[in-house]
């Protein structure tokens, strides 16, 4: 598989087409973070248990992460725009079901449907960009714009979710998706061209085994947050996931029309981007989770104070994609990857100087440097992942890349969170765990630098 396209694709209406894609990305990202502050209200209304509340979150995350590979392959076969529109409408309908849920089990079931629909939206974002914007510079600018949209959703989500819950009640955080989803689908139908389809039979054995393996693996990583990494159920789920992935690889090697042609990984740039995506999500989301635990446990900050302490990271990330990236994007992916990841390494080293509460300026400076670096390299990883393979496989490439990111996020939260959350011996202070975690974060950023210099040529 090469990076040269097999076919020419008519240009979409640039601004409104990108608005359609951004609407879908904003809605899915926002929904993933807006619910947290509404959970106490949901618990109060339904008199739910903590375990049930955890499943309100997990029921969305699990199918989303487990189906990305499948929906990516489906998008190439069915048409990226067609799947994107159908998934947006399904997400809006599932959101309405969430809002109208009469009980917690019904809400959990509706959240499963939301996760399935979100799995159809997310890989089509990069697929549509890769198949619609053929010019390298335009494509990079489109991806950077979507990074801004995602960053804004991550910041607005918690505050917006809390405000909607307080003023209109928790169902409103779901009902708002109904007009947004319909608007996004209408914009996509009107301003995006349908993409050519890759004619190939669906690999049903690979689809079934791959989905099951990813479900088991993600379930194990998610449950490790509450049960602990050494709990028998966690170990069984992770082991089952790993064995399932091994079986999936064996099936794909023999399949006449594999869902995931393993030859795609012979593309060094793509493989480096996938590994980088894992490292990015592991370090970024794991870092924020670890720091939130640390400042509350070691520095005795309230949840609100902890949020304020980490707010400069989010602000720096958005400002980087909004103001800095347009000025340096012409330097090319290789420069943006190694320069951004190097800045993140420097930020991690600075953050190692954190100790007592009085060292909070060090924490802010270090996390801002990491945010600037992340804001430079992370959108570039998206570009490389979606465009380093033939555009006929852009949906599959996006599915593989996003799957690696989701696994990295779950692993980062599980591993880095445990370092300050009780996994170390009781005699070890939280600061020791924080520093070990920061070394892992630095290692992830350094790995991106190494992968870039070794495998990314342009």
Protein backbone atom coordinates (compact mmCIF):
# COMPACT_ATOMS: atom_id res chain seq x y z
CA UNK A 1 0.00 0.00 0.00
CA UNK A 2 1.38 3.36 -0.99
CA UNK A 3 0.35 6.90 -0.29
CA UNK A 4 -0.66 7.60 -3.91
CA UNK A 5 -4.43 7.75 -4.41
CA UNK A 6 -6.21 5.27 -6.69
CA UNK A 7 -8.84 7.76 -7.75
CA UNK A 8 -9.64 11.44 -7.90
CA UNK A 9 -12.31 12.75 -5.56
CA UNK A 10 -14.42 15.83 -6.24
CA UNK A 11 -13.74 18.68 -3.86
CA UNK A 12 -16.29 19.18 -1.13
CA UNK A 13 -17.54 22.64 -0.19
CA UNK A 14 -14.47 23.32 1.97
CA UNK A 15 -15.76 25.38 4.88
CA UNK A 16 -19.20 23.81 5.27
CA UNK A 17 -17.88 20.32 4.65
CA UNK A 18 -15.34 20.78 7.43
CA UNK A 19 -18.10 22.23 9.60
CA UNK A 20 -20.09 19.03 9.10
CA UNK A 21 -17.15 16.86 10.15
CA UNK A 22 -16.35 19.14 13.07
CA UNK A 23 -19.95 19.03 14.28
CA UNK A 24 -19.81 15.26 14.53
CA UNK A 25 -16.45 15.29 16.29
CA UNK A 26 -17.57 18.00 18.72
CA UNK A 27 -20.74 16.11 19.63
CA UNK A 28 -19.01 12.78 20.27
CA UNK A 29 -16.12 14.36 22.20
CA UNK A 30 -18.42 16.57 24.26
CA UNK A 31 -20.65 13.66 25.23
CA UNK A 32 -17.66 11.70 26.45
CA UNK A 33 -16.77 14.35 29.05
CA UNK A 34 -20.01 16.25 29.79
CA UNK A 35 -21.67 13.42 31.70
CA UNK A 36 -19.34 13.28 34.69
CA UNK A 37 -20.82 16.23 36.59
CA UNK A 38 -24.35 14.93 35.95
CA UNK A 39 -23.70 11.53 37.56
CA UNK A 40 -24.69 12.62 41.11
CA UNK A 41 -28.04 13.92 39.80
CA UNK A 42 -28.62 10.67 37.94
CA UNK A 43 -27.76 8.68 41.05
CA UNK A 44 -30.16 10.78 43.13
CA UNK A 45 -33.07 10.41 40.71
CA UNK A 46 -32.73 6.66 40.26
CA UNK A 47 -31.26 5.84 43.68
CA UNK A 48 -28.46 4.05 41.87
CA UNK A 49 -25.34 2.37 43.21
CA UNK A 50 -21.77 3.43 42.50
CA UNK A 51 -21.33 0.33 40.35
CA UNK A 52 -24.33 1.29 38.22
CA UNK A 53 -22.97 4.79 37.75
CA UNK A 54 -19.66 3.36 36.59
CA UNK A 55 -21.54 1.35 34.00
CA UNK A 56 -23.28 4.48 32.73
CA UNK A 57 -19.79 5.61 31.68
CA UNK A 58 -18.37 2.22 30.71
CA UNK A 59 -21.41 1.31 28.59
CA UNK A 60 -20.42 4.15 26.25
CA UNK A 61 -16.65 3.68 26.28
CA UNK A 62 -16.57 -0.08 25.74
CA UNK A 63 -18.45 -0.36 22.41
CA UNK A 64 -16.81 2.85 21.17
CA UNK A 65 -13.31 1.45 21.62
CA UNK A 66 -14.17 -2.11 20.54
CA UNK A 67 -15.89 -1.25 17.25
CA UNK A 68 -13.55 1.38 15.78
CA UNK A 69 -11.66 -1.17 13.71
CA UNK A 70 -14.88 -2.67 12.36
CA UNK A 71 -16.51 0.64 11.50
CA UNK A 72 -13.32 1.88 9.86
CA UNK A 73 -13.36 -1.10 7.51
CA UNK A 74 -17.11 -0.69 6.93
CA UNK A 75 -16.64 2.94 5.96
CA UNK A 76 -14.26 1.99 3.15
CA UNK A 77 -16.78 -0.55 1.83
CA UNK A 78 -20.03 1.35 2.37
CA UNK A 79 -18.86 4.93 1.85
CA UNK A 80 -17.39 7.25 4.48
CA UNK A 81 -20.01 9.98 4.11
CA UNK A 82 -22.87 7.49 4.18
CA UNK A 83 -21.65 5.85 7.38
CA UNK A 84 -20.88 9.24 8.94
CA UNK A 85 -24.40 10.54 8.32
CA UNK A 86 -26.08 7.31 9.49
CA UNK A 87 -23.96 7.29 12.65
CA UNK A 88 -24.71 10.94 13.44
CA UNK A 89 -28.45 10.31 13.19
CA UNK A 90 -28.14 7.11 15.23
CA UNK A 91 -26.17 9.01 17.88
CA UNK A 92 -28.86 11.69 18.06
CA UNK A 93 -31.60 9.06 18.39
CA UNK A 94 -29.67 7.16 21.07
CA UNK A 95 -29.16 10.45 22.93
CA UNK A 96 -32.92 11.01 22.94
CA UNK A 97 -33.35 7.50 24.36
CA UNK A 98 -30.84 8.37 27.11
CA UNK A 99 -32.79 11.51 28.00
CA UNK A 100 -36.08 9.60 28.14
CA UNK A 101 -34.72 6.64 30.14
CA UNK A 102 -37.13 5.65 32.93
CA UNK A 103 -34.48 3.70 34.88
CA UNK A 104 -30.76 3.21 35.23
CA UNK A 105 -30.73 -0.11 33.30
CA UNK A 106 -32.56 1.64 30.45
CA UNK A 107 -30.03 4.50 30.55
CA UNK A 108 -27.14 2.04 30.45
CA UNK A 109 -28.68 0.26 27.46
CA UNK A 110 -29.14 3.57 25.65
CA UNK A 111 -25.53 4.48 26.42
CA UNK A 112 -24.44 1.26 24.70
CA UNK A 113 -26.30 2.40 21.58
CA UNK A 114 -24.61 5.80 21.87
CA UNK A 115 -21.20 4.12 22.01
CA UNK A 116 -21.96 2.02 18.93
CA UNK A 117 -23.02 5.12 17.00
CA UNK A 118 -19.97 7.08 18.18
CA UNK A 119 -17.77 4.27 16.87
CA UNK A 120 -19.25 4.96 13.45
CA UNK A 121 -18.59 8.70 13.66
CA UNK A 122 -15.03 8.85 15.00
CA UNK A 123 -13.01 6.94 12.35
CA UNK A 124 -14.96 8.63 9.56
CA UNK A 125 -13.66 12.02 10.72
CA UNK A 126 -10.10 11.35 9.55
CA UNK A 127 -11.28 9.18 6.67
CA UNK A 128 -13.39 11.99 5.23
CA UNK A 129 -10.53 14.46 5.61
CA UNK A 130 -8.09 12.11 3.86
CA UNK A 131 -10.50 11.37 1.01
CA UNK A 132 -11.82 14.91 0.55
CA UNK A 133 -8.83 17.24 0.91
CA UNK A 134 -6.14 15.98 -1.45
CA UNK A 135 -3.78 18.93 -1.09
CA UNK A 136 -1.29 18.24 1.69
CA UNK A 137 -1.40 21.76 3.16
CA UNK A 138 -5.21 21.97 3.08
CA UNK A 139 -5.47 18.57 4.70
CA UNK A 140 -3.09 19.54 7.51
CA UNK A 141 -5.05 22.74 8.14
CA UNK A 142 -8.32 20.78 8.20
CA UNK A 143 -6.94 18.34 10.78
CA UNK A 144 -5.62 21.21 12.90
CA UNK A 145 -9.06 22.84 12.82
CA UNK A 146 -10.60 19.58 14.02
CA UNK A 147 -8.00 19.45 16.81
CA UNK A 148 -9.20 22.88 17.92
CA UNK A 149 -12.80 21.63 17.85
CA UNK A 150 -11.87 18.60 19.96
CA UNK A 151 -9.92 20.70 22.44
CA UNK A 152 -12.77 23.15 22.87
CA UNK A 153 -15.18 20.25 23.43
CA UNK A 154 -12.89 18.81 26.10
CA UNK A 155 -12.82 22.13 27.96
CA UNK A 156 -16.46 23.14 27.43
CA UNK A 157 -17.83 19.66 28.16
CA UNK A 158 -17.44 19.52 31.96
CA UNK A 159 -18.58 23.11 32.51
CA UNK A 160 -21.41 22.88 29.98
CA UNK A 161 -22.57 19.57 31.37
CA UNK A 162 -22.63 20.96 34.88
CA UNK A 163 -24.51 24.10 33.82
CA UNK A 164 -27.12 22.20 31.82
CA UNK A 165 -27.64 19.74 34.66
CA UNK A 166 -28.12 22.51 37.20
CA UNK A 167 -30.45 24.65 35.05
CA UNK A 168 -32.42 22.12 32.96
CA UNK A 169 -31.68 18.75 34.56
CA UNK A 170 -29.41 15.90 33.46
CA UNK A 171 -31.57 14.80 30.46
CA UNK A 172 -30.68 18.09 28.77
CA UNK A 173 -27.05 17.04 28.23
CA UNK A 174 -28.41 14.28 25.99
CA UNK A 175 -31.25 16.19 24.34
CA UNK A 176 -28.86 18.84 23.06
CA UNK A 177 -27.35 16.17 20.81
CA UNK A 178 -30.61 15.82 18.89
CA UNK A 179 -30.49 19.15 16.98
CA UNK A 180 -26.69 19.05 16.77
CA UNK A 181 -26.69 15.56 15.24
CA UNK A 182 -29.41 16.43 12.73
CA UNK A 183 -27.56 19.63 11.77
CA UNK A 184 -24.30 17.74 11.27
CA UNK A 185 -26.02 15.09 9.13
CA UNK A 186 -27.70 17.78 6.98
CA UNK A 187 -24.42 19.63 6.47
CA UNK A 188 -22.64 16.39 5.53
CA UNK A 189 -25.39 15.42 3.07
CA UNK A 190 -25.30 18.84 1.44
CA UNK A 191 -21.62 19.77 1.47
CA UNK A 192 -19.59 16.53 1.43
CA UNK A 193 -19.12 14.32 -1.62
CA UNK A 194 -19.64 10.59 -1.20
CA UNK A 195 -16.36 8.72 -1.24
CA UNK A 196 -15.67 5.79 -3.60
CA UNK A 197 -16.20 2.37 -2.08
CA UNK A 198 -13.70 -0.46 -1.90
CA UNK A 199 -15.41 -3.55 -3.28
CA UNK A 200 -14.53 -6.47 -1.02
CA UNK A 201 -16.54 -9.07 0.94
CA UNK A 202 -16.83 -8.50 4.66
CA UNK A 203 -14.54 -10.69 6.75
CA UNK A 204 -17.12 -11.92 9.27
CA UNK A 205 -14.82 -14.28 11.28
CA UNK A 206 -12.20 -11.55 11.61
CA UNK A 207 -14.85 -8.99 12.51
CA UNK A 208 -16.33 -11.19 15.25
CA UNK A 209 -13.04 -12.31 16.80
CA UNK A 210 -11.44 -8.86 16.57
CA UNK A 211 -14.41 -7.14 18.19
CA UNK A 212 -14.60 -9.72 20.98
CA UNK A 213 -10.86 -9.47 21.65
CA UNK A 214 -10.93 -5.68 21.86
CA UNK A 215 -14.00 -5.80 24.10
CA UNK A 216 -12.27 -8.15 26.55
CA UNK A 217 -9.05 -6.13 26.54
CA UNK A 218 -10.78 -2.78 27.03
CA UNK A 219 -13.06 -4.21 29.73
CA UNK A 220 -10.02 -5.46 31.63
CA UNK A 221 -8.27 -2.11 31.42
CA UNK A 222 -11.38 -0.20 32.46
CA UNK A 223 -12.21 -2.52 35.35
CA UNK A 224 -8.64 -2.31 36.65
CA UNK A 225 -9.43 1.25 37.76
CA UNK A 226 -11.90 -0.03 40.34
CA UNK A 227 -10.88 -3.65 40.98
CA UNK A 228 -7.10 -3.22 40.81
CA UNK A 229 -4.61 -4.52 38.27
CA UNK A 230 -4.12 -7.89 40.01
CA UNK A 231 -7.80 -8.77 40.47
CA UNK A 232 -8.57 -12.21 38.93
CA UNK A 233 -11.35 -10.81 36.74
CA UNK A 234 -9.07 -8.08 35.37
CA UNK A 235 -6.30 -10.57 34.64
CA UNK A 236 -8.75 -12.95 32.97
CA UNK A 237 -10.23 -10.20 30.78
CA UNK A 238 -6.83 -8.87 29.69
CA UNK A 239 -5.51 -12.39 29.04
CA UNK A 240 -8.62 -13.22 27.03
CA UNK A 241 -8.18 -10.02 25.03
CA UNK A 242 -4.53 -10.74 24.24
CA UNK A 243 -5.32 -14.34 23.21
CA UNK A 244 -8.22 -13.08 21.13
CA UNK A 245 -5.97 -10.60 19.33
CA UNK A 246 -3.53 -13.41 18.59
CA UNK A 247 -6.41 -15.43 17.14
CA UNK A 248 -7.52 -12.40 15.12
CA UNK A 249 -4.05 -12.05 13.58
CA UNK A 250 -4.07 -15.77 12.67
CA UNK A 251 -7.48 -15.40 10.99
CA UNK A 252 -6.41 -12.31 9.05
CA UNK A 253 -3.31 -14.05 7.74
CA UNK A 254 -5.43 -16.76 6.13
CA UNK A 255 -8.50 -14.75 5.10
CA UNK A 256 -8.87 -14.17 1.33
CA UNK A 257 -10.35 -10.72 2.00
CA UNK A 258 -9.15 -9.76 5.50
CA UNK A 259 -10.84 -6.97 7.41
CA UNK A 260 -7.36 -5.80 8.44
CA UNK A 261 -4.76 -6.58 5.75
CA UNK A 262 -1.65 -7.05 7.87
CA UNK A 263 0.48 -5.66 5.07
CA UNK A 264 -0.71 -2.22 6.11
CA UNK A 265 1.81 -2.37 8.96
CA UNK A 266 4.68 -2.70 6.49
CA UNK A 267 4.10 0.98 5.87
CA UNK A 268 6.64 2.37 8.33
CA UNK A 269 5.08 5.83 8.55
CA UNK A 270 1.65 4.41 9.34
CA UNK A 271 2.97 1.99 11.96
CA UNK A 272 4.95 4.81 13.58
CA UNK A 273 1.81 6.98 13.69
CA UNK A 274 -0.21 4.16 15.29
CA UNK A 275 2.48 3.61 17.94
CA UNK A 276 2.64 7.37 18.44
CA UNK A 277 -1.14 7.53 18.86
CA UNK A 278 -0.95 4.94 21.62
CA UNK A 279 1.89 6.84 23.32
CA UNK A 280 0.01 10.15 23.00
CA UNK A 281 -3.19 8.91 24.63
CA UNK A 282 -1.32 6.91 27.28
CA UNK A 283 0.73 9.92 28.33
CA UNK A 284 -1.80 12.73 27.91
CA UNK A 285 -4.92 11.22 29.46
CA UNK A 286 -2.95 9.16 31.96
CA UNK A 287 -1.03 12.29 33.01
CA UNK A 288 -4.15 14.37 33.63
CA UNK A 289 -5.81 11.55 35.59
CA UNK A 290 -2.67 10.98 37.65
CA UNK A 291 -2.19 14.68 38.41
CA UNK A 292 -5.85 15.09 39.38
CA UNK A 293 -5.47 12.27 41.91
CA UNK A 294 -2.12 13.55 43.17
CA UNK A 295 -3.13 17.16 43.91
CA UNK A 296 -6.27 15.98 45.70
CA UNK A 297 -4.59 13.26 47.75
CA UNK A 298 -1.13 14.73 48.44
CA UNK A 299 -1.94 18.45 48.35
CA UNK A 300 -5.48 18.08 49.78
CA UNK A 301 -7.07 20.21 47.07
CA UNK A 302 -10.81 20.09 46.43
CA UNK A 303 -12.07 18.78 43.07
CA UNK A 304 -12.73 22.36 41.96
CA UNK A 305 -9.26 23.50 43.01
CA UNK A 306 -7.74 20.51 41.21
CA UNK A 307 -9.64 21.46 38.07
CA UNK A 308 -8.34 25.03 38.27
CA UNK A 309 -4.80 23.72 38.75
CA UNK A 310 -5.02 21.69 35.53
CA UNK A 311 -6.91 24.32 33.54
CA UNK A 312 -3.70 25.94 32.15
CA UNK A 313 -2.95 22.64 30.37
CA UNK A 314 -6.27 22.78 28.50
CA UNK A 315 -5.92 26.47 27.69
CA UNK A 316 -2.35 26.06 26.40
CA UNK A 317 -3.42 23.09 24.27
CA UNK A 318 -6.21 25.05 22.59
CA UNK A 319 -4.12 28.20 22.08
CA UNK A 320 -1.33 26.12 20.53
CA UNK A 321 -3.60 24.57 17.92
CA UNK A 322 -5.36 27.91 17.35
CA UNK A 323 -2.41 30.32 17.20
CA UNK A 324 0.91 28.47 16.93
CA UNK A 325 0.15 25.58 14.58
CA UNK A 326 -1.03 27.74 11.64
CA UNK A 327 2.35 29.50 11.75
CA UNK A 328 4.50 26.35 11.77
CA UNK A 329 2.34 23.90 9.84
CA UNK A 330 4.27 24.61 6.64
CA UNK A 331 7.39 23.01 8.15
CA UNK A 332 5.86 19.60 7.55
CA UNK A 333 4.83 16.62 9.68
CA UNK A 334 8.34 15.44 10.53
CA UNK A 335 9.34 18.79 12.05
CA UNK A 336 6.05 19.21 13.95
CA UNK A 337 6.26 15.71 15.39
CA UNK A 338 9.82 15.83 16.70
CA UNK A 339 9.63 19.48 17.80
CA UNK A 340 6.32 19.03 19.59
CA UNK A 341 7.31 15.78 21.27
CA UNK A 342 10.65 17.31 22.34
CA UNK A 343 8.77 20.19 23.97
CA UNK A 344 6.61 17.62 25.79
CA UNK A 345 9.77 15.86 27.01
CA UNK A 346 11.08 19.17 28.35
CA UNK A 347 7.77 19.81 30.11
CA UNK A 348 7.88 16.38 31.72
CA UNK A 349 11.40 16.99 33.00
CA UNK A 350 10.31 20.32 34.51
CA UNK A 351 7.33 18.66 36.19
CA UNK A 352 9.67 16.19 37.90
CA UNK A 353 10.57 19.14 40.16
CA UNK A 354 7.13 19.08 41.79
CA UNK A 355 7.15 18.35 45.53
CA UNK A 356 4.98 20.16 48.08
CA UNK A 357 1.98 22.39 47.44
CA UNK A 358 4.36 25.36 47.34
CA UNK A 359 5.81 23.98 44.09
CA UNK A 360 2.55 24.54 42.20
CA UNK A 361 4.22 27.04 39.78
CA UNK A 362 6.53 24.21 38.70
CA UNK A 363 3.50 22.01 38.04
CA UNK A 364 1.80 24.71 35.98
CA UNK A 365 4.94 25.51 33.97
CA UNK A 366 5.69 21.85 33.28
CA UNK A 367 2.15 20.96 32.25
CA UNK A 368 1.88 24.05 30.01
CA UNK A 369 5.08 23.03 28.20
CA UNK A 370 3.68 19.51 27.78
CA UNK A 371 0.41 20.95 26.49
CA UNK A 372 2.20 23.12 23.92
CA UNK A 373 4.19 20.13 22.70
CA UNK A 374 1.12 17.92 22.61
CA UNK A 375 -0.83 20.57 20.72
CA UNK A 376 1.87 20.61 18.03
CA UNK A 377 2.47 16.88 17.56
CA UNK A 378 -0.93 15.30 18.20
CA UNK A 379 -2.81 16.76 15.18
CA UNK A 380 0.18 15.82 13.03
CA UNK A 381 -0.09 12.19 14.13
CA UNK A 382 -3.67 12.29 12.85
CA UNK A 383 -2.51 13.54 9.45
CA UNK A 384 0.22 10.91 9.10
CA UNK A 385 -2.06 8.06 10.19
CA UNK A 386 -4.85 8.95 7.78
CA UNK A 387 -2.73 9.82 4.74
CA UNK A 388 0.28 7.51 4.76
CA UNK A 389 -1.77 4.64 3.28
CA UNK A 390 -3.80 4.48 0.08
CA UNK A 391 -6.99 6.52 0.36
CA UNK A 392 -9.03 3.40 -0.45
CA UNK A 393 -8.02 2.19 3.04
CA UNK A 394 -8.37 5.56 4.84
CA UNK A 395 -11.31 4.38 6.94
CA UNK A 396 -9.48 1.24 8.02
CA UNK A 397 -6.33 3.25 8.78
CA UNK A 398 -8.36 5.67 10.89
CA UNK A 399 -10.01 2.75 12.70
CA UNK A 400 -6.66 1.13 13.52
CA UNK A 401 -5.19 4.44 14.65
CA UNK A 402 -8.15 5.37 16.84
CA UNK A 403 -8.25 1.87 18.34
CA UNK A 404 -4.59 2.23 19.36
CA UNK A 405 -5.42 5.61 20.89
CA UNK A 406 -8.34 4.22 22.89
CA UNK A 407 -6.25 1.34 24.22
CA UNK A 408 -3.49 3.79 25.10
CA UNK A 409 -5.93 6.02 26.98
CA UNK A 410 -7.37 3.13 28.98
CA UNK A 411 -3.91 1.75 29.76
CA UNK A 412 -2.57 5.17 30.73
CA UNK A 413 -5.43 5.89 33.12
CA UNK A 414 -5.14 2.41 34.65
CA UNK A 415 -1.35 2.37 35.06
CA UNK A 416 -0.54 6.00 35.84
CA UNK A 417 -3.59 6.42 38.05
CA UNK A 418 -2.60 3.38 40.10
CA UNK A 419 0.83 4.85 40.80
CA UNK A 420 -0.68 7.55 43.02
CA UNK A 421 -3.83 5.69 43.88
CA UNK A 422 -2.50 2.90 46.06
CA UNK A 423 -0.66 0.44 43.83
CA UNK A 424 2.72 1.18 45.43
CA UNK A 425 3.63 -0.06 48.94
CA UNK A 426 1.97 1.91 51.73
CA UNK A 427 5.29 3.35 52.83
CA UNK A 428 5.88 4.95 49.44
CA UNK A 429 4.50 8.50 49.24
CA UNK A 430 2.27 9.63 46.41
CA UNK A 431 5.15 11.79 45.20
CA UNK A 432 7.18 8.67 44.42
CA UNK A 433 4.37 7.31 42.30
CA UNK A 434 3.99 10.66 40.56
CA UNK A 435 7.65 10.74 39.59
CA UNK A 436 7.56 7.19 38.28
CA UNK A 437 4.52 8.11 36.25
CA UNK A 438 6.20 11.24 34.90
CA UNK A 439 9.15 9.15 33.77
CA UNK A 440 6.72 6.97 31.79
CA UNK A 441 5.15 10.09 30.28
CA UNK A 442 8.58 11.42 29.31
CA UNK A 443 9.41 8.03 27.82
CA UNK A 444 6.27 8.14 25.65
CA UNK A 445 7.14 11.58 24.28
CA UNK A 446 10.75 10.52 23.70
CA UNK A 447 9.48 7.45 21.83
CA UNK A 448 7.51 9.72 19.49
CA UNK A 449 10.69 11.71 18.81
CA UNK A 450 12.58 8.50 18.03
CA UNK A 451 9.84 7.06 15.83
CA UNK A 452 9.62 10.31 13.91
CA UNK A 453 13.33 10.64 13.24
CA UNK A 454 13.55 6.99 12.22
CA UNK A 455 10.40 6.47 10.14
CA UNK A 456 8.76 9.78 9.15
CA UNK A 457 10.48 11.21 6.09
CA UNK A 458 8.46 14.30 5.15
